[in-house]
Amino acid sequence: MNKFLILKFLSSQFLFSFFFYTLGNIIGSIWAKTSWGSYWNWDIKELWSLILWINCLLIIHLNSIKYNYFLNILNVFNLILILFNFLLINFIYKNSMHLYIF
């Protein structure tokens, strides 16, 4: 299979997931406005979600550079951020507004 075809497929898959991640953050902020009274509360979960979104945005913008070593590092960092945000924040930080999940 062609290596560039795989990279093109992964790039389109990443853009697809970034679109829904952005949509989820927007819908979540609208829900937070109706539930808590403000769009953004600087909660630890919201902050790390913003850091993950900015990292994804960097990956999208650096994707035009071929074979970039920094892009590979950002992809690994992105995986670590996802695991940290969705698994460890709830167990480490006990004063979060999003603690009702666990």
PDB file of N, CA and C in Angstrom:
ATOM      1  N   MET A   1       0.842  -1.178   0.000  1.00  0.00           N
ATOM      2  CA  MET A   1       0.000   0.000   0.000  1.00  0.00           C
ATOM      3  C   MET A   1       0.887   1.241   0.000  1.00  0.00           C
ATOM      4  N   ASN A   2       0.429   2.264  -0.658  1.00  0.00           N
ATOM      5  CA  ASN A   2       1.206   3.485  -0.779  1.00  0.00           C
ATOM      6  C   ASN A   2       1.286   4.215   0.571  1.00  0.00           C
ATOM      7  N   LYS A   3       2.491   4.638   0.916  1.00  0.00           N
ATOM      8  CA  LYS A   3       2.712   5.307   2.208  1.00  0.00           C
ATOM      9  C   LYS A   3       2.001   6.653   2.266  1.00  0.00           C
ATOM     10  N   PHE A   4       1.969   7.377   1.177  1.00  0.00           N
ATOM     11  CA  PHE A   4       1.318   8.681   1.167  1.00  0.00           C
ATOM     12  C   PHE A   4      -0.206   8.565   1.237  1.00  0.00           C
ATOM     13  N   LEU A   5      -0.743   7.484   0.712  1.00  0.00           N
ATOM     14  CA  LEU A   5      -2.178   7.251   0.803  1.00  0.00           C
ATOM     15  C   LEU A   5      -2.589   7.015   2.261  1.00  0.00           C
ATOM     16  N   ILE A   6      -1.767   6.294   3.006  1.00  0.00           N
ATOM     17  CA  ILE A   6      -2.044   6.069   4.427  1.00  0.00           C
ATOM     18  C   ILE A   6      -1.960   7.374   5.196  1.00  0.00           C
ATOM     19  N   LEU A   7      -0.946   8.200   4.900  1.00  0.00           N
ATOM     20  CA  LEU A   7      -0.809   9.489   5.586  1.00  0.00           C
ATOM     21  C   LEU A   7      -1.971  10.418   5.265  1.00  0.00           C
ATOM     22  N   LYS A   8      -2.453  10.377   4.021  1.00  0.00           N
ATOM     23  CA  LYS A   8      -3.596  11.203   3.644  1.00  0.00           C
ATOM     24  C   LYS A   8      -4.858  10.747   4.365  1.00  0.00           C
ATOM     25  N   PHE A   9      -5.042   9.430   4.498  1.00  0.00           N
ATOM     26  CA  PHE A   9      -6.193   8.900   5.214  1.00  0.00           C
ATOM     27  C   PHE A   9      -6.133   9.289   6.695  1.00  0.00           C
ATOM     28  N   LEU A  10      -4.966   9.171   7.318  1.00  0.00           N
ATOM     29  CA  LEU A  10      -4.833   9.528   8.724  1.00  0.00           C
ATOM     30  C   LEU A  10      -5.037  11.019   8.945  1.00  0.00           C
ATOM     31  N   SER A  11      -4.603  11.834   7.997  1.00  0.00           N
ATOM     32  CA  SER A  11      -4.801  13.274   8.110  1.00  0.00           C
ATOM     33  C   SER A  11      -6.287  13.623   8.039  1.00  0.00           C
ATOM     34  N   SER A  12      -7.015  13.002   7.125  1.00  0.00           N
ATOM     35  CA  SER A  12      -8.448  13.279   7.029  1.00  0.00           C
ATOM     36  C   SER A  12      -9.181  12.741   8.249  1.00  0.00           C
ATOM     37  N   GLN A  13      -8.733  11.625   8.796  1.00  0.00           N
ATOM     38  CA  GLN A  13      -9.351  11.076  10.006  1.00  0.00           C
ATOM     39  C   GLN A  13      -9.093  12.002  11.198  1.00  0.00           C
ATOM     40  N   PHE A  14      -7.904  12.581  11.266  1.00  0.00           N
ATOM     41  CA  PHE A  14      -7.582  13.510  12.347  1.00  0.00           C
ATOM     42  C   PHE A  14      -8.425  14.780  12.236  1.00  0.00           C
ATOM     43  N   LEU A  15      -8.617  15.288  11.023  1.00  0.00           N
ATOM     44  CA  LEU A  15      -9.463  16.467  10.830  1.00  0.00           C
ATOM     45  C   LEU A  15     -10.916  16.169  11.205  1.00  0.00           C
ATOM     46  N   PHE A  16     -11.387  14.986  10.877  1.00  0.00           N
ATOM     47  CA  PHE A  16     -12.740  14.575  11.237  1.00  0.00           C
ATOM     48  C   PHE A  16     -12.913  14.555  12.755  1.00  0.00           C
ATOM     49  N   SER A  17     -11.953  13.971  13.457  1.00  0.00           N
ATOM     50  CA  SER A  17     -12.056  13.910  14.916  1.00  0.00           C
ATOM     51  C   SER A  17     -11.882  15.290  15.543  1.00  0.00           C
ATOM     52  N   PHE A  18     -11.030  16.142  14.957  1.00  0.00           N
ATOM     53  CA  PHE A  18     -10.848  17.498  15.480  1.00  0.00           C
ATOM     54  C   PHE A  18     -12.133  18.315  15.335  1.00  0.00           C
ATOM     55  N   PHE A  19     -12.848  18.116  14.239  1.00  0.00           N
ATOM     56  CA  PHE A  19     -14.105  18.823  14.042  1.00  0.00           C
ATOM     57  C   PHE A  19     -15.098  18.466  15.152  1.00  0.00           C
ATOM     58  N   PHE A  20     -15.236  17.186  15.447  1.00  0.00           N
ATOM     59  CA  PHE A  20     -16.186  16.781  16.480  1.00  0.00           C
ATOM     60  C   PHE A  20     -15.692  17.124  17.882  1.00  0.00           C
ATOM     61  N   TYR A  21     -14.389  17.162  18.080  1.00  0.00           N
ATOM     62  CA  TYR A  21     -13.849  17.594  19.373  1.00  0.00           C
ATOM     63  C   TYR A  21     -14.148  19.083  19.592  1.00  0.00           C
ATOM     64  N   THR A  22     -13.991  19.885  18.553  1.00  0.00           N
ATOM     65  CA  THR A  22     -14.316  21.304  18.632  1.00  0.00           C
ATOM     66  C   THR A  22     -15.810  21.502  18.859  1.00  0.00           C
ATOM     67  N   LEU A  23     -16.613  20.756  18.134  1.00  0.00           N
ATOM     68  CA  LEU A  23     -18.066  20.832  18.310  1.00  0.00           C
ATOM     69  C   LEU A  23     -18.478  20.441  19.729  1.00  0.00           C
ATOM     70  N   GLY A  24     -17.830  19.421  20.285  1.00  0.00           N
ATOM     71  CA  GLY A  24     -18.117  19.016  21.652  1.00  0.00           C
ATOM     72  C   GLY A  24     -17.746  20.081  22.669  1.00  0.00           C
ATOM     73  N   ASN A  25     -16.638  20.777  22.435  1.00  0.00           N
ATOM     74  CA  ASN A  25     -16.254  21.868  23.343  1.00  0.00           C
ATOM     75  C   ASN A  25     -17.234  23.035  23.256  1.00  0.00           C
ATOM     76  N   ILE A  26     -17.705  23.344  22.067  1.00  0.00           N
ATOM     77  CA  ILE A  26     -18.669  24.439  21.911  1.00  0.00           C
ATOM     78  C   ILE A  26     -20.000  24.082  22.561  1.00  0.00           C
ATOM     79  N   ILE A  27     -20.491  22.880  22.293  1.00  0.00           N
ATOM     80  CA  ILE A  27     -21.753  22.449  22.903  1.00  0.00           C
ATOM     81  C   ILE A  27     -21.608  22.342  24.418  1.00  0.00           C
ATOM     82  N   GLY A  28     -20.441  21.881  24.882  1.00  0.00           N
ATOM     83  CA  GLY A  28     -20.203  21.800  26.317  1.00  0.00           C
ATOM     84  C   GLY A  28     -20.177  23.159  26.989  1.00  0.00           C
ATOM     85  N   SER A  29     -19.637  24.162  26.309  1.00  0.00           N
ATOM     86  CA  SER A  29     -19.627  25.505  26.904  1.00  0.00           C
ATOM     87  C   SER A  29     -21.036  26.103  26.927  1.00  0.00           C
ATOM     88  N   ILE A  30     -21.841  25.804  25.923  1.00  0.00           N
ATOM     89  CA  ILE A  30     -23.232  26.275  25.937  1.00  0.00           C
ATOM     90  C   ILE A  30     -23.995  25.591  27.063  1.00  0.00           C
ATOM     91  N   TRP A  31     -23.741  24.291  27.253  1.00  0.00           N
ATOM     92  CA  TRP A  31     -24.384  23.580  28.355  1.00  0.00           C
ATOM     93  C   TRP A  31     -23.928  24.132  29.707  1.00  0.00           C
ATOM     94  N   ALA A  32     -22.633  24.483  29.811  1.00  0.00           N
ATOM     95  CA  ALA A  32     -22.114  25.046  31.061  1.00  0.00           C
ATOM     96  C   ALA A  32     -22.761  26.395  31.361  1.00  0.00           C
ATOM     97  N   LYS A  33     -23.052  27.183  30.331  1.00  0.00           N
ATOM     98  CA  LYS A  33     -23.729  28.460  30.530  1.00  0.00           C
ATOM     99  C   LYS A  33     -25.111  28.256  31.130  1.00  0.00           C
ATOM    100  N   THR A  34     -25.836  27.273  30.633  1.00  0.00           N
ATOM    101  CA  THR A  34     -27.168  27.040  31.176  1.00  0.00           C
ATOM    102  C   THR A  34     -27.120  26.340  32.532  1.00  0.00           C
ATOM    103  N   SER A  35     -26.087  25.539  32.765  1.00  0.00           N
ATOM    104  CA  SER A  35     -26.019  24.782  34.004  1.00  0.00           C
ATOM    105  C   SER A  35     -25.356  25.557  35.144  1.00  0.00           C
ATOM    106  N   TRP A  36     -24.201  26.188  34.872  1.00  0.00           N
ATOM    107  CA  TRP A  36     -23.419  26.840  35.920  1.00  0.00           C
ATOM    108  C   TRP A  36     -23.420  28.361  35.823  1.00  0.00           C
ATOM    109  N   GLY A  37     -23.928  28.913  34.749  1.00  0.00           N
ATOM    110  CA  GLY A  37     -24.034  30.359  34.641  1.00  0.00           C
ATOM    111  C   GLY A  37     -22.926  31.050  33.879  1.00  0.00           C
ATOM    112  N   SER A  38     -21.897  30.328  33.452  1.00  0.00           N
ATOM    113  CA  SER A  38     -20.836  30.945  32.647  1.00  0.00           C
ATOM    114  C   SER A  38     -20.309  29.927  31.642  1.00  0.00           C
ATOM    115  N   TYR A  39     -19.762  30.450  30.539  1.00  0.00           N
ATOM    116  CA  TYR A  39     -19.262  29.564  29.492  1.00  0.00           C
ATOM    117  C   TYR A  39     -17.970  28.867  29.891  1.00  0.00           C
ATOM    118  N   TRP A  40     -17.133  29.550  30.674  1.00  0.00           N
ATOM    119  CA  TRP A  40     -15.805  29.024  31.011  1.00  0.00           C
ATOM    120  C   TRP A  40     -15.520  29.328  32.470  1.00  0.00           C
ATOM    121  N   ASN A  41     -15.112  28.322  33.237  1.00  0.00           N
ATOM    122  CA  ASN A  41     -14.862  28.504  34.660  1.00  0.00           C
ATOM    123  C   ASN A  41     -13.407  28.259  35.054  1.00  0.00           C
ATOM    124  N   TRP A  42     -12.520  28.006  34.110  1.00  0.00           N
ATOM    125  CA  TRP A  42     -11.116  27.703  34.350  1.00  0.00           C
ATOM    126  C   TRP A  42     -10.954  26.506  35.284  1.00  0.00           C
ATOM    127  N   ASP A  43     -11.836  25.538  35.131  1.00  0.00           N
ATOM    128  CA  ASP A  43     -11.726  24.286  35.856  1.00  0.00           C
ATOM    129  C   ASP A  43     -10.561  23.486  35.274  1.00  0.00           C
ATOM    130  N   ILE A  44      -9.996  22.589  36.053  1.00  0.00           N
ATOM    131  CA  ILE A  44      -8.829  21.839  35.606  1.00  0.00           C
ATOM    132  C   ILE A  44      -9.135  20.985  34.378  1.00  0.00           C
ATOM    133  N   LYS A  45     -10.323  20.421  34.317  1.00  0.00           N
ATOM    134  CA  LYS A  45     -10.718  19.612  33.164  1.00  0.00           C
ATOM    135  C   LYS A  45     -10.883  20.482  31.915  1.00  0.00           C
ATOM    136  N   GLU A  46     -11.465  21.663  32.079  1.00  0.00           N
ATOM    137  CA  GLU A  46     -11.627  22.580  30.946  1.00  0.00           C
ATOM    138  C   GLU A  46     -10.287  23.105  30.467  1.00  0.00           C
ATOM    139  N   LEU A  47      -9.389  23.369  31.388  1.00  0.00           N
ATOM    140  CA  LEU A  47      -8.066  23.883  31.024  1.00  0.00           C
ATOM    141  C   LEU A  47      -7.270  22.850  30.233  1.00  0.00           C
ATOM    142  N   TRP A  48      -7.259  21.605  30.681  1.00  0.00           N
ATOM    143  CA  TRP A  48      -6.534  20.572  29.951  1.00  0.00           C
ATOM    144  C   TRP A  48      -7.224  20.229  28.644  1.00  0.00           C
ATOM    145  N   SER A  49      -8.518  20.402  28.575  1.00  0.00           N
ATOM    146  CA  SER A  49      -9.214  20.226  27.308  1.00  0.00           C
ATOM    147  C   SER A  49      -8.801  21.309  26.310  1.00  0.00           C
ATOM    148  N   LEU A  50      -8.614  22.545  26.806  1.00  0.00           N
ATOM    149  CA  LEU A  50      -8.132  23.628  25.943  1.00  0.00           C
ATOM    150  C   LEU A  50      -6.704  23.371  25.479  1.00  0.00           C
ATOM    151  N   ILE A  51      -5.855  22.870  26.369  1.00  0.00           N
ATOM    152  CA  ILE A  51      -4.476  22.554  25.988  1.00  0.00           C
ATOM    153  C   ILE A  51      -4.460  21.459  24.929  1.00  0.00           C
ATOM    154  N   LEU A  52      -5.313  20.459  25.073  1.00  0.00           N
ATOM    155  CA  LEU A  52      -5.418  19.398  24.071  1.00  0.00           C
ATOM    156  C   LEU A  52      -5.919  19.944  22.744  1.00  0.00           C
ATOM    157  N   TRP A  53      -6.883  20.857  22.771  1.00  0.00           N
ATOM    158  CA  TRP A  53      -7.410  21.442  21.541  1.00  0.00           C
ATOM    159  C   TRP A  53      -6.330  22.272  20.829  1.00  0.00           C
ATOM    160  N   ILE A  54      -5.546  23.044  21.594  1.00  0.00           N
ATOM    161  CA  ILE A  54      -4.465  23.841  20.997  1.00  0.00           C
ATOM    162  C   ILE A  54      -3.400  22.929  20.407  1.00  0.00           C
ATOM    163  N   ASN A  55      -3.091  21.823  21.077  1.00  0.00           N
ATOM    164  CA  ASN A  55      -2.120  20.877  20.541  1.00  0.00           C
ATOM    165  C   ASN A  55      -2.623  20.254  19.242  1.00  0.00           C
ATOM    166  N   CYS A  56      -3.900  19.915  19.185  1.00  0.00           N
ATOM    167  CA  CYS A  56      -4.474  19.389  17.941  1.00  0.00           C
ATOM    168  C   CYS A  56      -4.425  20.425  16.823  1.00  0.00           C
ATOM    169  N   LEU A  57      -4.662  21.672  17.169  1.00  0.00           N
ATOM    170  CA  LEU A  57      -4.588  22.742  16.176  1.00  0.00           C
ATOM    171  C   LEU A  57      -3.159  22.913  15.646  1.00  0.00           C
ATOM    172  N   LEU A  58      -2.174  22.785  16.526  1.00  0.00           N
ATOM    173  CA  LEU A  58      -0.773  22.829  16.084  1.00  0.00           C
ATOM    174  C   LEU A  58      -0.450  21.674  15.142  1.00  0.00           C
ATOM    175  N   ILE A  59      -0.955  20.501  15.450  1.00  0.00           N
ATOM    176  CA  ILE A  59      -0.712  19.344  14.589  1.00  0.00           C
ATOM    177  C   ILE A  59      -1.320  19.561  13.210  1.00  0.00           C
ATOM    178  N   ILE A  60      -2.509  20.132  13.160  1.00  0.00           N
ATOM    179  CA  ILE A  60      -3.151  20.389  11.869  1.00  0.00           C
ATOM    180  C   ILE A  60      -2.339  21.399  11.055  1.00  0.00           C
ATOM    181  N   HIS A  61      -1.850  22.445  11.711  1.00  0.00           N
ATOM    182  CA  HIS A  61      -1.107  23.453  10.979  1.00  0.00           C
ATOM    183  C   HIS A  61       0.291  22.989  10.594  1.00  0.00           C
ATOM    184  N   LEU A  62       0.890  22.124  11.377  1.00  0.00           N
ATOM    185  CA  LEU A  62       2.220  21.613  11.034  1.00  0.00           C
ATOM    186  C   LEU A  62       2.166  20.425  10.085  1.00  0.00           C
ATOM    187  N   ASN A  63       0.974  19.937   9.795  1.00  0.00           N
ATOM    188  CA  ASN A  63       0.838  18.776   8.933  1.00  0.00           C
ATOM    189  C   ASN A  63       1.243  19.073   7.485  1.00  0.00           C
ATOM    190  N   SER A  64       1.301  20.331   7.114  1.00  0.00           N
ATOM    191  CA  SER A  64       1.722  20.671   5.752  1.00  0.00           C
ATOM    192  C   SER A  64       3.213  20.449   5.540  1.00  0.00           C
ATOM    193  N   ILE A  65       3.969  20.388   6.628  1.00  0.00           N
ATOM    194  CA  ILE A  65       5.407  20.120   6.535  1.00  0.00           C
ATOM    195  C   ILE A  65       5.602  18.602   6.544  1.00  0.00           C
ATOM    196  N   LYS A  66       6.250  18.092   5.538  1.00  0.00           N
ATOM    197  CA  LYS A  66       6.405  16.647   5.406  1.00  0.00           C
ATOM    198  C   LYS A  66       7.582  16.155   6.258  1.00  0.00           C
ATOM    199  N   TYR A  67       7.383  14.999   6.877  1.00  0.00           N
ATOM    200  CA  TYR A  67       8.412  14.313   7.664  1.00  0.00           C
ATOM    201  C   TYR A  67       9.002  15.211   8.746  1.00  0.00           C
ATOM    202  N   ASN A  68       8.148  15.901   9.443  1.00  0.00           N
ATOM    203  CA  ASN A  68       8.603  16.802  10.491  1.00  0.00           C
ATOM    204  C   ASN A  68       8.734  16.026  11.799  1.00  0.00           C
ATOM    205  N   TYR A  69       9.913  16.100  12.405  1.00  0.00           N
ATOM    206  CA  TYR A  69      10.166  15.413  13.671  1.00  0.00           C
ATOM    207  C   TYR A  69       9.322  16.007  14.789  1.00  0.00           C
ATOM    208  N   PHE A  70       9.149  17.309  14.780  1.00  0.00           N
ATOM    209  CA  PHE A  70       8.358  17.986  15.804  1.00  0.00           C
ATOM    210  C   PHE A  70       6.895  17.554  15.743  1.00  0.00           C
ATOM    211  N   LEU A  71       6.403  17.264  14.560  1.00  0.00           N
ATOM    212  CA  LEU A  71       5.028  16.784  14.401  1.00  0.00           C
ATOM    213  C   LEU A  71       4.846  15.424  15.064  1.00  0.00           C
ATOM    214  N   ASN A  72       5.838  14.557  14.962  1.00  0.00           N
ATOM    215  CA  ASN A  72       5.767  13.254  15.623  1.00  0.00           C
ATOM    216  C   ASN A  72       5.760  13.404  17.140  1.00  0.00           C
ATOM    217  N   ILE A  73       6.555  14.321  17.645  1.00  0.00           N
ATOM    218  CA  ILE A  73       6.577  14.570  19.087  1.00  0.00           C
ATOM    219  C   ILE A  73       5.222  15.100  19.552  1.00  0.00           C
ATOM    220  N   LEU A  74       4.610  16.004  18.779  1.00  0.00           N
ATOM    221  CA  LEU A  74       3.298  16.530  19.138  1.00  0.00           C
ATOM    222  C   LEU A  74       2.217  15.450  19.098  1.00  0.00           C
ATOM    223  N   ASN A  75       2.320  14.510  18.188  1.00  0.00           N
ATOM    224  CA  ASN A  75       1.347  13.417  18.146  1.00  0.00           C
ATOM    225  C   ASN A  75       1.448  12.528  19.380  1.00  0.00           C
ATOM    226  N   VAL A  76       2.664  12.241  19.820  1.00  0.00           N
ATOM    227  CA  VAL A  76       2.836  11.455  21.038  1.00  0.00           C
ATOM    228  C   VAL A  76       2.340  12.250  22.241  1.00  0.00           C
ATOM    229  N   PHE A  77       2.644  13.554  22.267  1.00  0.00           N
ATOM    230  CA  PHE A  77       2.178  14.417  23.345  1.00  0.00           C
ATOM    231  C   PHE A  77       0.653  14.495  23.354  1.00  0.00           C
ATOM    232  N   ASN A  78       0.051  14.471  22.181  1.00  0.00           N
ATOM    233  CA  ASN A  78      -1.403  14.491  22.062  1.00  0.00           C
ATOM    234  C   ASN A  78      -2.015  13.232  22.688  1.00  0.00           C
ATOM    235  N   LEU A  79      -1.421  12.088  22.439  1.00  0.00           N
ATOM    236  CA  LEU A  79      -1.904  10.849  23.037  1.00  0.00           C
ATOM    237  C   LEU A  79      -1.785  10.904  24.560  1.00  0.00           C
ATOM    238  N   ILE A  80      -0.668  11.414  25.065  1.00  0.00           N
ATOM    239  CA  ILE A  80      -0.481  11.539  26.515  1.00  0.00           C
ATOM    240  C   ILE A  80      -1.511  12.498  27.099  1.00  0.00           C
ATOM    241  N   LEU A  81      -1.792  13.601  26.405  1.00  0.00           N
ATOM    242  CA  LEU A  81      -2.795  14.553  26.878  1.00  0.00           C
ATOM    243  C   LEU A  81      -4.194  13.953  26.932  1.00  0.00           C
ATOM    244  N   ILE A  82      -4.529  13.162  25.935  1.00  0.00           N
ATOM    245  CA  ILE A  82      -5.849  12.522  25.922  1.00  0.00           C
ATOM    246  C   ILE A  82      -5.986  11.568  27.105  1.00  0.00           C
ATOM    247  N   LEU A  83      -4.969  10.747  27.320  1.00  0.00           N
ATOM    248  CA  LEU A  83      -5.020   9.817  28.445  1.00  0.00           C
ATOM    249  C   LEU A  83      -5.053  10.554  29.773  1.00  0.00           C
ATOM    250  N   PHE A  84      -4.251  11.621  29.885  1.00  0.00           N
ATOM    251  CA  PHE A  84      -4.208  12.395  31.115  1.00  0.00           C
ATOM    252  C   PHE A  84      -5.545  13.081  31.380  1.00  0.00           C
ATOM    253  N   ASN A  85      -6.113  13.662  30.344  1.00  0.00           N
ATOM    254  CA  ASN A  85      -7.350  14.423  30.511  1.00  0.00           C
ATOM    255  C   ASN A  85      -8.538  13.529  30.833  1.00  0.00           C
ATOM    256  N   PHE A  86      -8.671  12.433  30.161  1.00  0.00           N
ATOM    257  CA  PHE A  86      -9.866  11.623  30.318  1.00  0.00           C
ATOM    258  C   PHE A  86      -9.750  10.535  31.379  1.00  0.00           C
ATOM    259  N   LEU A  87      -8.541  10.210  31.827  1.00  0.00           N
ATOM    260  CA  LEU A  87      -8.404   9.157  32.814  1.00  0.00           C
ATOM    261  C   LEU A  87      -7.865   9.644  34.159  1.00  0.00           C
ATOM    262  N   LEU A  88      -6.846  10.479  34.149  1.00  0.00           N
ATOM    263  CA  LEU A  88      -6.152  10.793  35.391  1.00  0.00           C
ATOM    264  C   LEU A  88      -6.648  12.035  36.115  1.00  0.00           C
ATOM    265  N   ILE A  89      -7.227  12.994  35.417  1.00  0.00           N
ATOM    266  CA  ILE A  89      -7.675  14.235  36.064  1.00  0.00           C
ATOM    267  C   ILE A  89      -8.698  13.943  37.153  1.00  0.00           C
ATOM    268  N   ASN A  90      -9.599  13.030  36.906  1.00  0.00           N
ATOM    269  CA  ASN A  90     -10.644  12.730  37.882  1.00  0.00           C
ATOM    270  C   ASN A  90     -10.097  12.078  39.141  1.00  0.00           C
ATOM    271  N   PHE A  91      -8.961  11.405  39.038  1.00  0.00           N
ATOM    272  CA  PHE A  91      -8.394  10.741  40.203  1.00  0.00           C
ATOM    273  C   PHE A  91      -7.376  11.600  40.932  1.00  0.00           C
ATOM    274  N   ILE A  92      -6.739  12.547  40.234  1.00  0.00           N
ATOM    275  CA  ILE A  92      -5.713  13.385  40.849  1.00  0.00           C
ATOM    276  C   ILE A  92      -6.323  14.611  41.508  1.00  0.00           C
ATOM    277  N   TYR A  93      -7.177  15.297  40.789  1.00  0.00           N
ATOM    278  CA  TYR A  93      -7.710  16.576  41.248  1.00  0.00           C
ATOM    279  C   TYR A  93      -9.133  16.368  41.741  1.00  0.00           C
ATOM    280  N   LYS A  94      -9.339  16.489  43.022  1.00  0.00           N
ATOM    281  CA  LYS A  94     -10.644  16.170  43.611  1.00  0.00           C
ATOM    282  C   LYS A  94     -11.605  17.353  43.684  1.00  0.00           C
ATOM    283  N   ASN A  95     -11.162  18.577  43.348  1.00  0.00           N
ATOM    284  CA  ASN A  95     -12.028  19.755  43.436  1.00  0.00           C
ATOM    285  C   ASN A  95     -12.579  20.182  42.084  1.00  0.00           C
ATOM    286  N   SER A  96     -12.650  19.290  41.148  1.00  0.00           N
ATOM    287  CA  SER A  96     -13.104  19.624  39.806  1.00  0.00           C
ATOM    288  C   SER A  96     -14.623  19.703  39.747  1.00  0.00           C
ATOM    289  N   MET A  97     -15.120  20.569  38.863  1.00  0.00           N
ATOM    290  CA  MET A  97     -16.562  20.643  38.628  1.00  0.00           C
ATOM    291  C   MET A  97     -17.043  19.409  37.860  1.00  0.00           C
ATOM    292  N   HIS A  98     -16.128  18.695  37.217  1.00  0.00           N
ATOM    293  CA  HIS A  98     -16.462  17.540  36.404  1.00  0.00           C
ATOM    294  C   HIS A  98     -16.257  16.235  37.166  1.00  0.00           C
ATOM    295  N   LEU A  99     -16.233  16.293  38.460  1.00  0.00           N
ATOM    296  CA  LEU A  99     -15.979  15.103  39.270  1.00  0.00           C
ATOM    297  C   LEU A  99     -17.203  14.209  39.387  1.00  0.00           C
ATOM    298  N   TYR A 100     -18.361  14.681  38.971  1.00  0.00           N
ATOM    299  CA  TYR A 100     -19.590  13.896  39.078  1.00  0.00           C
ATOM    300  C   TYR A 100     -19.572  12.654  38.200  1.00  0.00           C
ATOM    301  N   ILE A 101     -18.601  12.563  37.298  1.00  0.00           N
ATOM    302  CA  ILE A 101     -18.519  11.401  36.413  1.00  0.00           C
ATOM    303  C   ILE A 101     -18.156  10.161  37.208  1.00  0.00           C
ATOM    304  N   PHE A 102     -17.219  10.279  38.139  1.00  0.00           N
ATOM    305  CA  PHE A 102     -16.766   9.117  38.911  1.00  0.00           C
ATOM    306  C   PHE A 102     -17.268   9.177  40.316  1.00  0.00           C
TER     307      PHE A 102
END
